[in-house]
Amino acid sequence: MKSLVAKFGGTRLEPTLLRLAAGVLPLFQKSLNDPRPFWTREGVSEQQKKALEPLRASLLKCEQLFPVPAHSWLVEPVAVSSKDLESVLRWAMEVADCDLLSAMSKPTLSFDTDWSIVGEISSNVVKQATSGRLQLAFAPKATYGTKRRLIPLEVWKQTTRGNLVTPAWNGIFADLAADDAKLQDLEFAASINNLYEVPFKIDVVYLWVDGSDPKWLAKKSLHQRENESSHGASASRFVSRNELYFSIRSLLQHAAWVNRIWVVTDGQVPELGELAERVSVIDHRDFIPSEYLPTFNSHAITANLHRIPGLSEHFLYLNDDIFFGRNLHPGIWFDTLGRSVIRYTRTVMSGMSSKSKDLIQDIRQDTVLLAHGRGLKTTTRSIQHGPHPLQKKLMEKLWAEFGSEFDRTCRNKFRSRGDIVPEWMHNFAAITSGRGFVGGKLTYNYIVINAKSSLPRILGLYFRRVPSVLCLNDVSELNPSDVAHESVVENRLRVITKLLESDR
C-alpha cells in the first residue's frame, strides 16, 4: 500500500490526497487528543508565571481557596472544596478584583480557547463545575485570559473518609484532609526538592542561513573550491523556506518554558514577524574566533556555540528543520541534576572497511574512532536528528582535551573529511563522565520533505498522534527521479505546520 501511495508523491494528485487526509482528521480526534486537563500539559513561560503572581496572591487571601502543587513550568491552579464552591464563586464576583471565566471541558480546551466571563452564579454553573463539565478560571480584569494569563480553579470533592480528592494529577498528592490539617501538606509541597523538577534555565540555539541572499552567495562562492564536497557545499544545506518561523512558533506553543531563543546567523536577520521580540539574533563574528571566519561549516559553528555571551549553561542546539507537535517538558532533555538526556536511533554506521562511503559517514566514523581511542564510551548508532541537549562547561572541557581536532574542524570552511561532529563528541563525553545518559523513548519522526517517496509518511501524520519532535529534512543525496518540485515541498511544509498547530 505504501509503495502505491508513494507513486503519487510529487504528482498533481498529492495536494488532493493531503486535503482528504486533513478532512478525515476529525474522525480520529477523540482518540488522538490528550485527555489530561490543559494546565497539566501546557507549559508557560517564566514571564507569564510572574504576570499571574499578583492575582494568585489575591485569590489565596480567600480562606476557602488553597494552592495546588505544580511543576515549575506549569501554571499553579487554586482549588476549592466542592461544598465551598458556590460561596467562593460569589466572593469572586463581589469582592475579588478579577474576572471569573468559564469554558466547557473538552480535550481541546486550552489557554487560548475562547473563554466567557461568568455573568452570574447560578445553580447550573455550580452543578456543571462540580461535575467537571464546566471549567472555571480566574483572570486579571479585562484580559479574558489572553496570553495564557489565567489561573484554573480545581474543584476537589470530599470523600466519606473526610478527604478532598484532586480532579487532576498534580504529581505530589492524590488527596488532602478536608480540614486545616491540609496546610501542613501544602507547606511540604511548596518546600519539597522535587526530583522531577528542572531547576535551571534552558536556552535554545538555532543555526540559520538564507541561502538565497546574493551577498552571502557571493561570499560562499569566493571560498568554495572547485572540488568541494557536494554534501558540504550543496545548495540544499542552505535553502530557507521560512522554516525557522514555523519551528520557533511550534517551540513556543509546545515548550513555553524555554528561557532565551538564539538564532545564529552570518550577517543576516531572519523575518520572524511577531516572534522577533522573543528571539536574540547573534552573528558569527560575535562569538566565533576570527581565524575561523567566514565559515559555512555547521560543525565549526556548533563547536563554538558555548562561546555565545550570555548563553545559559544548559541549552538545546537545533536546526530550523526541527518542529514540535506535542506539549513537552524540560525533563525530556535535561534531568534535575543537569545531566543531558541523549537518545539514539536504530540506524547504525557502515563498517570502517566499507567502500564508497559518503562524506557524513566518514566524519561520523572519524568521530567515533577518535572518542574510542581516548577511552570514551561510544556507539555506532546515530543520534536523533532533533534538539541536542548540550552543556557549556563540557564543551569547554572538550576543547581543552581535543583542541587540535576542534581547531582542524573549525578551519574547514565547509564540511570536510577531517571534521569531527561536536554534538557526538559531547554526548560520548557526557555519558562517560556521568554528565549525561541514554534516555527513554520520545515520539519522533523523520521525513525527507523533498523526496517524492515521502508522501506515505506525511499522510501517516494524520492518522496517529503527532510526534513530539518532527524533523523535515531537505536531503541533497537523493536520486534525481525522487526529488520533488519546490512547489510540492512548500505545500508540504504548509500543511504539516498547520497540522502541528492544531489542537490534538
Protein backbone atom coordinates (compact mmCIF):
# COMPACT_ATOMS: atom_id res chain seq x y z
CA MET A 1 0.00 0.00 0.00
CA LYS A 2 2.80 2.40 0.94
CA SER A 3 4.59 1.79 -2.33
CA LEU A 4 1.37 2.51 -4.22
CA VAL A 5 0.77 5.77 -2.35
CA ALA A 6 4.42 6.74 -2.83
CA LYS A 7 3.87 6.74 -6.59
CA PHE A 8 1.54 9.72 -6.17
CA GLY A 9 4.28 11.72 -4.41
CA GLY A 10 5.10 14.92 -6.26
CA THR A 11 2.23 14.46 -8.75
CA ARG A 12 -0.85 16.62 -9.22
CA LEU A 13 -2.79 14.19 -7.02
CA GLU A 14 -0.64 14.81 -3.95
CA PRO A 15 -2.36 18.07 -2.80
CA THR A 16 -5.75 16.34 -3.15
CA LEU A 17 -4.60 13.40 -1.00
CA LEU A 18 -3.30 15.77 1.67
CA ARG A 19 -6.61 17.69 1.70
CA LEU A 20 -8.54 14.43 2.05
CA ALA A 21 -6.33 13.35 4.96
CA ALA A 22 -6.88 16.68 6.71
CA GLY A 23 -10.62 16.30 6.12
CA VAL A 24 -10.91 12.93 7.87
CA LEU A 25 -8.79 14.02 10.84
CA PRO A 26 -11.85 14.92 12.97
CA LEU A 27 -12.94 11.27 12.79
CA PHE A 28 -9.83 10.37 14.80
CA GLN A 29 -9.83 13.47 17.01
CA LYS A 30 -11.34 11.83 20.10
CA SER A 31 -8.77 9.05 20.28
CA LEU A 32 -5.85 11.32 19.43
CA ASN A 33 -6.46 14.06 21.97
CA ASP A 34 -4.60 14.18 25.25
CA PRO A 35 -7.22 13.58 27.99
CA ARG A 36 -5.31 15.50 30.69
CA PRO A 37 -6.55 18.95 31.79
CA PHE A 38 -4.88 21.65 29.73
CA TRP A 39 -2.96 23.17 32.65
CA THR A 40 -1.15 19.88 33.32
CA ARG A 41 0.04 19.53 29.71
CA GLU A 42 0.61 23.11 28.53
CA GLY A 43 3.70 24.89 29.82
CA VAL A 44 4.00 28.61 30.42
CA SER A 45 6.97 30.93 30.31
CA GLU A 46 8.62 32.43 33.37
CA GLN A 47 7.28 35.85 32.36
CA GLN A 48 3.73 34.51 32.13
CA LYS A 49 4.00 32.97 35.59
CA LYS A 50 5.31 36.21 37.06
CA ALA A 51 2.42 38.12 35.50
CA LEU A 52 0.00 35.87 37.41
CA GLU A 53 1.64 36.21 40.83
CA PRO A 54 -0.40 39.27 41.97
CA LEU A 55 -3.66 37.58 41.00
CA ARG A 56 -2.67 34.33 42.67
CA ALA A 57 -1.72 36.13 45.90
CA SER A 58 -5.04 37.99 45.99
CA LEU A 59 -7.03 34.79 45.40
CA LEU A 60 -5.31 32.95 48.24
CA LYS A 61 -6.50 35.63 50.65
CA CYS A 62 -9.80 33.76 50.50
CA GLU A 63 -9.58 31.14 53.27
CA GLN A 64 -11.62 28.62 51.28
CA LEU A 65 -9.15 28.58 48.39
CA PHE A 66 -5.85 26.70 48.62
CA PRO A 67 -2.83 26.35 46.28
CA VAL A 68 -2.39 23.25 44.13
CA PRO A 69 1.16 21.85 43.74
CA ALA A 70 2.52 22.09 40.20
CA HIS A 71 5.82 21.76 38.35
CA SER A 72 7.75 24.98 37.82
CA TRP A 73 6.90 25.13 34.11
CA LEU A 74 3.13 24.84 34.70
CA VAL A 75 0.53 27.30 35.86
CA GLU A 76 -0.32 26.64 39.50
CA PRO A 77 -4.11 26.29 39.90
CA VAL A 78 -6.07 27.21 43.00
CA ALA A 79 -8.52 24.74 44.48
CA VAL A 80 -11.74 24.72 46.47
CA SER A 81 -13.79 22.04 48.18
CA SER A 82 -16.98 21.24 46.28
CA LYS A 83 -19.05 22.19 49.32
CA ASP A 84 -17.44 25.67 49.35
CA LEU A 85 -17.63 26.23 45.59
CA GLU A 86 -20.75 28.41 45.47
CA SER A 87 -19.61 30.73 48.26
CA VAL A 88 -16.16 31.13 46.67
CA LEU A 89 -17.70 31.97 43.29
CA ARG A 90 -19.90 34.62 44.88
CA TRP A 91 -16.85 36.02 46.69
CA ALA A 92 -15.01 36.19 43.36
CA MET A 93 -17.90 38.01 41.72
CA GLU A 94 -18.48 40.51 44.54
CA VAL A 95 -15.11 41.04 46.23
CA ALA A 96 -12.16 39.81 44.18
CA ASP A 97 -10.61 42.21 41.67
CA CYS A 98 -10.60 39.73 38.78
CA ASP A 99 -12.77 38.17 36.11
CA LEU A 100 -14.33 34.75 36.57
CA LEU A 101 -14.13 32.81 33.29
CA SER A 102 -15.80 29.63 32.13
CA ALA A 103 -15.40 27.18 29.25
CA MET A 104 -16.85 23.77 28.50
CA SER A 105 -14.45 20.99 29.49
CA LYS A 106 -13.24 19.12 26.42
CA PRO A 107 -9.99 17.58 25.16
CA THR A 108 -9.18 20.63 23.02
CA LEU A 109 -9.62 23.15 25.84
CA SER A 110 -6.51 25.31 26.23
CA PHE A 111 -5.26 28.65 27.50
CA ASP A 112 -6.01 30.08 24.08
CA THR A 113 -9.60 28.78 23.84
CA ASP A 114 -12.31 31.40 23.78
CA TRP A 115 -13.33 31.79 27.41
CA SER A 116 -16.51 33.54 28.55
CA ILE A 117 -16.96 35.84 31.51
CA VAL A 118 -19.40 34.42 34.04
CA GLY A 119 -22.16 37.00 34.45
CA GLU A 120 -23.96 35.45 37.39
CA ILE A 121 -23.67 32.48 39.73
CA SER A 122 -26.49 30.04 39.07
CA SER A 123 -27.17 26.57 40.42
CA ASN A 124 -26.45 25.25 36.91
CA VAL A 125 -22.96 26.82 36.90
CA VAL A 126 -22.20 25.29 40.30
CA LYS A 127 -23.57 21.89 39.26
CA GLN A 128 -21.64 21.77 36.00
CA ALA A 129 -18.37 22.92 37.62
CA THR A 130 -18.73 20.32 40.38
CA SER A 131 -19.34 17.53 37.87
CA GLY A 132 -16.37 18.63 35.75
CA ARG A 133 -18.41 19.52 32.66
CA LEU A 134 -17.57 23.20 33.09
CA GLN A 135 -14.06 24.55 33.66
CA LEU A 136 -13.69 27.75 35.67
CA ALA A 137 -10.68 30.06 35.86
CA PHE A 138 -9.66 33.45 37.18
CA ALA A 139 -8.03 36.16 35.07
CA PRO A 140 -6.88 39.75 35.66
CA LYS A 141 -9.61 42.24 34.95
CA ALA A 142 -10.45 42.82 31.26
CA THR A 143 -7.80 40.39 29.92
CA TYR A 144 -10.14 37.48 29.11
CA GLY A 145 -7.23 35.15 29.83
CA THR A 146 -5.22 36.37 26.85
CA LYS A 147 -1.53 35.42 26.57
CA ARG A 148 -2.17 32.48 28.91
CA ARG A 149 -2.88 34.84 31.79
CA LEU A 150 -5.41 32.81 33.74
CA ILE A 151 -5.41 30.59 36.82
CA PRO A 152 -7.56 27.44 36.64
CA LEU A 153 -9.91 26.60 39.50
CA GLU A 154 -9.92 22.96 40.59
CA VAL A 155 -12.98 21.61 42.41
CA TRP A 156 -11.93 18.93 44.91
CA LYS A 157 -14.73 16.59 46.04
CA GLN A 158 -14.99 15.37 49.61
CA THR A 159 -14.97 11.63 50.33
CA THR A 160 -16.75 9.73 53.09
CA ARG A 161 -13.39 9.47 54.89
CA GLY A 162 -13.20 13.23 55.19
CA ASN A 163 -10.56 13.84 52.50
CA LEU A 164 -10.56 16.08 49.43
CA VAL A 165 -9.73 14.27 46.18
CA THR A 166 -7.94 16.05 43.34
CA PRO A 167 -9.71 16.11 39.95
CA ALA A 168 -6.38 16.32 38.10
CA TRP A 169 -2.98 14.69 38.60
CA ASN A 170 -0.56 17.17 40.22
CA GLY A 171 2.46 14.92 40.73
CA ILE A 172 2.55 15.20 44.54
CA PHE A 173 -0.74 14.46 46.32
CA ALA A 174 -3.84 12.47 45.36
CA ASP A 175 -5.92 13.76 48.23
CA LEU A 176 -5.73 16.07 51.26
CA ALA A 177 -7.52 16.40 54.56
CA ALA A 178 -10.73 18.39 54.31
CA ASP A 179 -9.84 20.47 57.38
CA ASP A 180 -6.94 22.76 58.29
CA ALA A 181 -4.63 19.76 58.63
CA LYS A 182 -4.07 20.03 54.87
CA LEU A 183 -2.00 23.18 55.43
CA GLN A 184 0.94 21.07 56.61
CA ASP A 185 0.85 19.06 53.37
CA LEU A 186 0.65 22.24 51.30
CA GLU A 187 3.70 23.68 53.08
CA PHE A 188 5.56 20.45 52.39
CA ALA A 189 4.56 20.58 48.70
CA ALA A 190 5.89 24.14 48.43
CA SER A 191 9.24 23.25 50.01
CA ILE A 192 9.93 19.80 48.54
CA ASN A 193 13.10 19.45 46.49
CA ASN A 194 11.29 17.54 43.77
CA LEU A 195 13.46 15.20 41.75
CA TYR A 196 11.21 15.75 38.72
CA GLU A 197 11.88 19.48 38.69
CA VAL A 198 14.41 21.01 36.29
CA PRO A 199 15.57 23.94 38.46
CA PHE A 200 17.66 25.84 35.91
CA LYS A 201 17.20 27.85 32.74
CA ILE A 202 17.43 26.23 29.31
CA ASP A 203 18.19 28.28 26.21
CA VAL A 204 17.58 27.22 22.62
CA VAL A 205 20.10 27.91 19.84
CA TYR A 206 19.18 27.71 16.14
CA LEU A 207 21.63 27.75 13.24
CA TRP A 208 20.11 29.61 10.30
CA VAL A 209 21.10 30.92 6.89
CA ASP A 210 19.22 32.43 3.97
CA GLY A 211 20.80 30.58 1.07
CA SER A 212 19.21 32.92 -1.49
CA ASP A 213 20.90 36.08 -0.18
CA PRO A 214 23.13 37.43 -3.04
CA LYS A 215 25.77 38.82 -0.65
CA TRP A 216 26.00 35.56 1.23
CA LEU A 217 26.12 33.57 -2.03
CA ALA A 218 28.96 35.73 -3.31
CA LYS A 219 30.93 35.14 -0.11
CA LYS A 220 30.24 31.40 -0.29
CA SER A 221 31.35 31.26 -3.92
CA LEU A 222 34.55 33.13 -3.07
CA HIS A 223 35.59 30.48 -0.54
CA GLN A 224 34.21 27.38 -2.27
CA ARG A 225 36.82 25.29 -4.03
CA GLU A 226 36.03 23.56 -7.31
CA ASN A 227 36.43 20.12 -5.76
CA GLU A 228 34.38 20.98 -2.66
CA SER A 229 32.31 18.06 -1.38
CA SER A 230 28.80 18.04 -2.85
CA HIS A 231 27.48 17.30 0.64
CA GLY A 232 29.32 20.05 2.44
CA ALA A 233 28.54 22.75 -0.11
CA SER A 234 25.20 21.53 -1.50
CA ALA A 235 22.63 24.30 -2.02
CA SER A 236 20.00 22.24 -0.17
CA ARG A 237 22.04 22.63 3.00
CA PHE A 238 21.43 26.38 2.95
CA VAL A 239 17.94 26.75 1.44
CA SER A 240 15.37 28.67 3.52
CA ARG A 241 11.58 28.38 3.15
CA ASN A 242 10.76 30.29 6.32
CA GLU A 243 11.01 27.04 8.29
CA LEU A 244 12.65 28.98 11.12
CA TYR A 245 9.47 30.97 11.78
CA PHE A 246 7.30 27.84 11.95
CA SER A 247 9.85 25.95 14.04
CA ILE A 248 10.07 28.73 16.65
CA ARG A 249 6.30 29.09 16.68
CA SER A 250 5.86 25.37 17.37
CA LEU A 251 8.56 25.58 20.06
CA LEU A 252 6.81 28.43 21.88
CA GLN A 253 3.45 26.68 21.60
CA HIS A 254 4.65 23.35 22.97
CA ALA A 255 7.62 24.32 25.19
CA ALA A 256 6.79 27.76 26.55
CA TRP A 257 9.25 27.21 29.42
CA VAL A 258 12.30 27.92 27.22
CA ASN A 259 14.38 30.77 28.59
CA ARG A 260 16.03 32.53 25.66
CA ILE A 261 15.98 31.72 21.96
CA TRP A 262 19.11 32.47 19.95
CA VAL A 263 19.38 32.48 16.16
CA VAL A 264 22.95 32.24 14.87
CA THR A 265 23.45 33.94 11.51
CA ASP A 266 26.17 35.17 9.15
CA GLY A 267 25.37 38.85 8.59
CA GLN A 268 21.66 38.15 8.08
CA VAL A 269 18.46 38.86 10.02
CA PRO A 270 15.51 36.46 9.61
CA GLU A 271 11.95 37.69 9.13
CA LEU A 272 10.16 36.45 12.23
CA GLY A 273 7.16 38.77 12.44
CA GLU A 274 5.54 38.76 15.87
CA LEU A 275 8.12 36.24 17.15
CA ALA A 276 11.03 38.66 16.76
CA GLU A 277 10.67 40.01 20.31
CA ARG A 278 11.32 36.52 21.72
CA VAL A 279 14.50 35.96 19.69
CA SER A 280 18.11 37.15 20.05
CA VAL A 281 19.91 37.18 16.70
CA ILE A 282 23.68 36.77 17.05
CA ASP A 283 26.28 36.96 14.28
CA HIS A 284 29.17 34.53 13.80
CA ARG A 285 31.57 37.42 14.45
CA ASP A 286 30.13 37.87 17.95
CA PHE A 287 31.34 34.52 19.28
CA ILE A 288 33.43 32.54 16.76
CA PRO A 289 37.18 33.31 16.81
CA SER A 290 38.13 35.43 13.81
CA GLU A 291 40.67 32.91 12.49
CA TYR A 292 37.78 30.55 11.68
CA LEU A 293 35.70 33.09 9.75
CA PRO A 294 33.94 33.14 7.44
CA THR A 295 32.59 29.63 7.84
CA PHE A 296 29.93 27.63 6.06
CA ASN A 297 30.58 24.53 8.13
CA SER A 298 27.89 23.71 10.69
CA HIS A 299 30.42 21.57 12.59
CA ALA A 300 32.61 24.63 13.11
CA ILE A 301 29.66 26.74 14.22
CA THR A 302 28.38 24.08 16.63
CA ALA A 303 31.85 23.63 18.12
CA ASN A 304 31.79 27.29 19.20
CA LEU A 305 28.21 27.75 20.42
CA HIS A 306 29.32 27.59 24.05
CA ARG A 307 31.14 30.91 23.48
CA ILE A 308 27.89 32.87 22.91
CA PRO A 309 27.91 35.67 25.53
CA GLY A 310 25.01 35.25 27.96
CA LEU A 311 24.12 31.72 26.85
CA SER A 312 22.76 29.56 29.68
CA GLU A 313 24.85 26.62 30.91
CA HIS A 314 22.27 24.16 29.58
CA PHE A 315 20.98 24.70 26.06
CA LEU A 316 19.35 22.91 23.15
CA TYR A 317 21.04 23.16 19.78
CA LEU A 318 18.87 22.53 16.73
CA ASN A 319 18.34 23.46 13.12
CA ASP A 320 15.29 25.07 11.56
CA ASP A 321 14.07 21.76 10.14
CA ILE A 322 13.01 20.63 13.65
CA PHE A 323 9.37 21.06 14.67
CA PHE A 324 7.41 20.31 17.82
CA GLY A 325 4.00 18.64 17.70
CA ARG A 326 3.07 17.96 21.33
CA ASN A 327 3.39 19.68 24.68
CA LEU A 328 6.81 18.91 26.16
CA HIS A 329 8.55 19.48 29.48
CA PRO A 330 12.24 20.29 30.05
CA GLY A 331 12.93 16.90 31.67
CA ILE A 332 12.82 15.39 28.20
CA TRP A 333 16.30 16.81 27.56
CA PHE A 334 17.82 17.55 30.98
CA ASP A 335 17.18 15.87 34.32
CA THR A 336 17.04 17.51 37.74
CA LEU A 337 20.83 17.14 38.16
CA GLY A 338 21.55 18.91 34.90
CA ARG A 339 22.51 15.77 33.00
CA SER A 340 21.83 15.61 29.26
CA VAL A 341 19.21 13.07 28.19
CA ILE A 342 20.54 11.63 24.93
CA ARG A 343 18.56 9.48 22.52
CA TYR A 344 19.87 7.28 19.76
CA THR A 345 18.10 5.71 16.79
CA ARG A 346 18.42 2.15 15.47
CA THR A 347 20.37 3.45 12.47
CA VAL A 348 23.99 2.31 12.63
CA MET A 349 27.09 3.34 10.71
CA SER A 350 28.70 1.46 7.85
CA GLY A 351 31.76 -0.60 8.72
CA MET A 352 35.12 1.17 8.67
CA SER A 353 36.16 -1.01 5.74
CA SER A 354 33.08 -0.25 3.62
CA LYS A 355 33.74 1.13 0.15
CA SER A 356 32.24 4.28 -1.48
CA LYS A 357 31.21 5.93 1.76
CA ASP A 358 29.78 9.44 1.65
CA LEU A 359 31.28 12.40 3.50
CA ILE A 360 28.97 12.32 6.51
CA GLN A 361 29.74 8.62 7.10
CA ASP A 362 33.47 9.34 7.03
CA ILE A 363 33.12 12.20 9.51
CA ARG A 364 31.00 10.15 11.90
CA GLN A 365 33.42 7.22 11.73
CA ASP A 366 36.37 9.53 12.44
CA THR A 367 34.50 10.98 15.42
CA VAL A 368 33.75 7.54 16.87
CA LEU A 369 37.32 6.35 16.33
CA LEU A 370 38.72 9.49 17.99
CA ALA A 371 36.45 9.11 21.03
CA HIS A 372 37.17 5.38 21.26
CA GLY A 373 40.91 5.99 21.09
CA ARG A 374 40.70 8.39 24.05
CA GLY A 375 38.79 5.90 26.20
CA LEU A 376 35.30 7.38 25.90
CA LYS A 377 32.18 5.24 25.79
CA THR A 378 30.93 5.22 22.20
CA THR A 379 28.25 3.79 19.94
CA THR A 380 27.90 3.42 16.19
CA ARG A 381 24.21 4.36 16.38
CA SER A 382 23.09 7.76 15.10
CA ILE A 383 21.58 10.27 17.50
CA GLN A 384 18.09 11.54 16.78
CA HIS A 385 18.16 14.44 14.34
CA GLY A 386 16.38 16.71 16.79
CA PRO A 387 17.26 19.07 19.63
CA HIS A 388 20.69 18.29 21.09
CA PRO A 389 20.97 18.92 24.88
CA LEU A 390 24.44 20.47 25.32
CA GLN A 391 26.37 21.84 28.30
CA LYS A 392 28.79 24.76 28.07
CA LYS A 393 31.32 23.52 30.63
CA LEU A 394 31.50 20.15 28.92
CA MET A 395 32.20 21.79 25.56
CA GLU A 396 34.95 23.89 27.18
CA LYS A 397 36.47 20.70 28.58
CA LEU A 398 36.34 19.03 25.16
CA TRP A 399 38.20 21.97 23.61
CA ALA A 400 40.89 21.57 26.27
CA GLU A 401 41.26 17.83 25.59
CA PHE A 402 40.66 17.73 21.80
CA GLY A 403 41.88 21.20 20.85
CA SER A 404 43.78 20.21 17.73
CA GLU A 405 40.86 18.19 16.35
CA PHE A 406 38.37 21.00 17.01
CA ASP A 407 40.79 23.53 15.54
CA ARG A 408 41.15 21.47 12.36
CA THR A 409 37.37 21.18 12.07
CA CYS A 410 36.87 24.91 12.52
CA ARG A 411 39.45 25.77 9.85
CA ASN A 412 37.46 23.80 7.25
CA LYS A 413 35.20 26.36 5.54
CA PHE A 414 32.74 23.62 4.55
CA ARG A 415 32.05 20.17 5.93
CA SER A 416 35.14 18.20 5.02
CA ARG A 417 36.99 15.00 5.73
CA GLY A 418 38.94 15.53 8.89
CA ASP A 419 35.96 17.13 10.68
CA ILE A 420 34.56 15.78 13.91
CA VAL A 421 30.88 16.04 14.90
CA PRO A 422 30.83 18.25 18.03
CA GLU A 423 27.48 17.02 19.39
CA TRP A 424 28.59 13.40 19.02
CA MET A 425 31.77 14.11 20.98
CA HIS A 426 29.74 15.98 23.60
CA ASN A 427 27.42 13.01 24.04
CA PHE A 428 30.24 10.48 24.36
CA ALA A 429 31.97 12.67 26.94
CA ALA A 430 28.73 13.37 28.82
CA ILE A 431 27.83 9.70 29.16
CA THR A 432 31.40 8.68 30.07
CA SER A 433 31.67 11.35 32.78
CA GLY A 434 28.18 10.87 34.21
CA ARG A 435 27.02 14.25 32.85
CA GLY A 436 24.56 12.52 30.53
CA PHE A 437 22.73 9.26 29.99
CA VAL A 438 20.79 7.43 27.29
CA GLY A 439 17.15 8.42 27.66
CA GLY A 440 13.92 6.57 27.08
CA LYS A 441 11.59 6.71 24.13
CA LEU A 442 10.48 10.05 22.72
CA THR A 443 7.94 10.04 19.90
CA TYR A 444 9.98 11.22 16.96
CA ASN A 445 9.53 11.16 13.21
CA TYR A 446 11.98 11.89 10.41
CA ILE A 447 10.67 12.83 6.96
CA VAL A 448 12.72 13.74 3.91
CA ILE A 449 10.49 16.59 2.83
CA ASN A 450 11.97 16.98 -0.67
CA ALA A 451 11.56 13.29 -1.62
CA LYS A 452 8.52 12.33 -3.67
CA SER A 453 8.52 8.93 -1.96
CA SER A 454 7.91 10.55 1.45
CA LEU A 455 4.20 11.07 0.78
CA PRO A 456 3.09 7.95 2.76
CA ARG A 457 4.99 9.15 5.84
CA ILE A 458 3.40 12.59 5.55
CA LEU A 459 -0.10 11.12 5.22
CA GLY A 460 0.63 8.92 8.22
CA LEU A 461 0.89 12.03 10.42
CA TYR A 462 -2.89 12.47 10.06
CA PHE A 463 -3.84 9.04 11.35
CA ARG A 464 -1.86 8.75 14.55
CA ARG A 465 -0.82 11.10 17.31
CA VAL A 466 1.55 13.74 16.02
CA PRO A 467 5.11 13.03 17.25
CA SER A 468 6.68 15.16 19.96
CA VAL A 469 9.55 16.05 17.64
CA LEU A 470 9.41 16.04 13.86
CA CYS A 471 12.36 16.55 11.53
CA LEU A 472 11.54 17.72 7.99
CA ASN A 473 14.95 17.30 6.44
CA ASP A 474 15.93 18.54 2.97
CA VAL A 475 18.36 15.91 1.68
CA SER A 476 20.82 16.54 -1.14
CA GLU A 477 21.79 12.89 -1.70
CA LEU A 478 18.57 11.82 -3.47
CA ASN A 479 18.04 10.00 -6.72
CA PRO A 480 17.15 12.78 -9.21
CA SER A 481 13.92 10.95 -10.09
CA ASP A 482 12.83 11.18 -6.43
CA VAL A 483 13.39 14.92 -5.98
CA ALA A 484 10.09 16.78 -5.57
CA HIS A 485 9.47 20.14 -7.22
CA GLU A 486 9.96 23.16 -4.96
CA SER A 487 6.23 24.00 -5.08
CA VAL A 488 5.46 20.50 -3.75
CA VAL A 489 7.94 20.93 -0.90
CA GLU A 490 6.49 24.31 0.06
CA ASN A 491 2.94 22.92 0.06
CA ARG A 492 4.06 20.03 2.27
CA LEU A 493 5.61 22.46 4.72
CA ARG A 494 2.38 24.49 4.86
CA VAL A 495 0.07 21.54 5.53
CA ILE A 496 2.38 19.89 8.07
CA THR A 497 2.94 23.06 10.10
CA LYS A 498 -0.82 23.65 10.12
CA LEU A 499 -1.28 20.13 11.47
CA LEU A 500 1.31 20.65 14.21
CA GLU A 501 -0.51 23.76 15.43
CA SER A 502 -3.92 22.07 15.61
CA ASP A 503 -5.43 21.15 18.98
CA ARG A 504 -4.51 17.48 19.15
